[in-house]
Amino acid sequence: MFQTENELLQNLIVLSPKLARKKFRENIFESWNWKCMYCDRDLTPSTATIDHIKPKFKGGKSTRSNMGACCTCCNSNKASKLVFDFYNTSNPNYTEERATKIKEWLEQDTSFYLNSDKSSATPYLCHDVSIGWISN
């Protein structure tokens, strides 16, 4: 559904902020096929959590490329560790395939633009719920 924060922001115009955030999170789970990014355990809406791959505690942002589907167990075991301090060859669930997917996920382009002429308007967020434009 939402491939970038741009799509989330555009949908804030037609959806309530709460519903837009819910759909954004659901898209992250769908992108990981409702499986934990670390142990590959099947997730359900009641067991799925979002992991900040680079912890907020260490400067990580709440952007799509820094948020991954995670089971409660892996999320609590990782805690505020950096991703590859937790998910490495000493982790019993480690696979090179999942490590590669995590690396690719972190590198995805998360820049966003609103459908406007960027030379004449700058998008901004106001109180995290509304979108407006400032003329340049």
Protein backbone atom coordinates (compact mmCIF):
# COMPACT_ATOMS: atom_id res chain seq x y z
CA MET A 1 0.00 0.00 0.00
CA PHE A 2 2.44 2.72 1.14
CA GLN A 3 5.87 2.33 -0.39
CA THR A 4 7.18 5.63 0.93
CA GLU A 5 6.39 8.25 3.51
CA ASN A 6 5.11 10.32 0.56
CA GLU A 7 2.19 7.94 0.12
CA LEU A 8 1.49 8.09 3.86
CA LEU A 9 1.47 11.89 3.77
CA GLN A 10 -0.76 12.00 0.70
CA ASN A 11 -3.23 9.67 2.40
CA LEU A 12 -3.34 11.86 5.50
CA ILE A 13 -5.36 14.21 3.31
CA VAL A 14 -8.14 11.63 2.87
CA LEU A 15 -7.63 9.40 5.93
CA SER A 16 -7.56 10.22 9.60
CA PRO A 17 -4.02 10.34 10.99
CA LYS A 18 -4.74 7.25 13.11
CA LEU A 19 -5.95 5.23 10.11
CA ALA A 20 -3.07 6.45 7.92
CA ARG A 21 -0.53 5.31 10.56
CA LYS A 22 -2.31 1.95 10.91
CA LYS A 23 -2.19 1.39 7.15
CA PHE A 24 1.47 2.44 7.08
CA ARG A 25 2.32 -0.14 9.78
CA GLU A 26 0.25 -2.83 8.03
CA ASN A 27 2.20 -2.16 4.85
CA ILE A 28 5.46 -2.81 6.69
CA PHE A 29 4.11 -6.15 7.94
CA GLU A 30 2.91 -7.03 4.43
CA SER A 31 6.31 -6.11 2.97
CA TRP A 32 7.88 -8.67 5.32
CA ASN A 33 5.13 -11.21 4.45
CA TRP A 34 3.91 -11.13 8.06
CA LYS A 35 7.14 -12.83 9.18
CA CYS A 36 9.69 -11.67 11.72
CA MET A 37 12.64 -10.11 9.95
CA TYR A 38 15.05 -11.82 12.36
CA CYS A 39 13.69 -15.33 13.06
CA ASP A 40 11.18 -15.77 10.20
CA ARG A 41 8.42 -16.64 12.69
CA ASP A 42 4.87 -16.13 11.38
CA LEU A 43 3.24 -12.98 12.75
CA THR A 44 -0.40 -12.15 13.36
CA PRO A 45 -1.97 -8.75 14.01
CA SER A 46 -1.86 -9.57 17.74
CA THR A 47 1.78 -10.80 17.81
CA ALA A 48 3.40 -8.43 15.32
CA THR A 49 5.55 -5.55 16.55
CA ILE A 50 7.53 -2.90 14.73
CA ASP A 51 11.26 -2.80 15.39
CA HIS A 52 13.25 0.36 14.86
CA ILE A 53 16.20 -1.23 13.07
CA LYS A 54 18.46 1.60 14.23
CA PRO A 55 17.02 2.21 17.69
CA LYS A 56 15.44 5.59 18.38
CA PHE A 57 17.69 5.65 21.46
CA LYS A 58 20.68 5.74 19.08
CA GLY A 59 19.26 8.29 16.65
CA GLY A 60 17.02 6.05 14.53
CA LYS A 61 13.99 7.65 12.92
CA SER A 62 10.43 6.39 12.48
CA THR A 63 10.79 6.03 8.72
CA ARG A 64 9.76 3.04 6.64
CA SER A 65 13.36 2.07 5.90
CA ASN A 66 14.12 1.98 9.65
CA MET A 67 11.02 0.04 10.70
CA GLY A 68 10.70 -3.71 10.25
CA ALA A 69 8.24 -6.47 11.15
CA CYS A 70 9.34 -8.27 14.26
CA CYS A 71 8.06 -10.81 16.77
CA THR A 72 7.86 -9.75 20.41
CA CYS A 73 10.65 -12.11 21.44
CA CYS A 74 13.19 -10.82 18.89
CA ASN A 75 12.17 -7.21 19.49
CA SER A 76 12.74 -7.49 23.23
CA ASN A 77 15.99 -9.46 22.78
CA LYS A 78 17.35 -6.88 20.35
CA ALA A 79 16.30 -4.03 22.65
CA SER A 80 18.45 -0.97 21.88
CA LYS A 81 21.27 -2.86 20.16
CA LEU A 82 22.35 -1.90 16.66
CA VAL A 83 20.91 -4.32 14.14
CA PHE A 84 24.05 -6.27 13.27
CA ASP A 85 25.25 -6.30 16.87
CA PHE A 86 22.10 -8.37 17.47
CA TYR A 87 21.57 -10.10 14.14
CA ASN A 88 24.89 -11.72 13.23
CA THR A 89 26.33 -15.22 12.86
CA SER A 90 26.17 -15.76 16.63
CA ASN A 91 22.37 -15.32 16.54
CA PRO A 92 20.78 -18.81 16.34
CA ASN A 93 18.24 -17.54 13.76
CA TYR A 94 20.80 -15.85 11.50
CA THR A 95 20.66 -16.48 7.76
CA GLU A 96 22.61 -14.65 5.08
CA GLU A 97 19.37 -14.28 3.07
CA ARG A 98 17.57 -12.38 5.85
CA ALA A 99 20.70 -10.31 6.61
CA THR A 100 20.79 -9.27 2.94
CA LYS A 101 17.09 -8.38 3.00
CA ILE A 102 17.62 -6.23 6.10
CA LYS A 103 20.56 -4.44 4.43
CA GLU A 104 18.48 -3.81 1.28
CA TRP A 105 15.56 -2.61 3.42
CA LEU A 106 17.80 -0.11 5.19
CA GLU A 107 19.05 1.23 1.84
CA GLN A 108 15.63 1.83 0.27
CA ASP A 109 14.89 5.36 -0.88
CA THR A 110 12.65 7.04 1.65
CA SER A 111 12.75 10.55 0.28
CA PHE A 112 9.33 12.00 -0.32
CA TYR A 113 7.69 14.63 -2.43
CA LEU A 114 4.14 15.86 -2.54
CA ASN A 115 2.45 16.15 -5.90
CA SER A 116 3.33 19.78 -6.38
CA ASP A 117 5.83 21.83 -8.29
CA LYS A 118 8.80 21.55 -5.92
CA SER A 119 10.22 24.82 -7.23
CA SER A 120 7.24 26.81 -6.00
CA ALA A 121 6.19 25.05 -2.79
CA THR A 122 7.77 23.31 0.17
CA PRO A 123 5.79 20.62 2.02
CA TYR A 124 5.70 20.78 5.79
CA LEU A 125 3.98 18.96 8.64
CA CYS A 126 2.05 20.83 11.27
CA HIS A 127 1.46 19.06 14.60
CA ASP A 128 2.11 15.70 12.85
CA VAL A 129 -1.47 15.61 11.50
CA SER A 130 -1.90 18.17 8.77
CA ILE A 131 -0.11 19.01 5.56
CA GLY A 132 0.41 22.47 4.16
CA TRP A 133 2.57 24.32 1.72
CA ILE A 134 4.79 27.34 2.07
CA SER A 135 5.37 29.31 -1.11
CA ASN A 136 9.02 29.82 -1.93
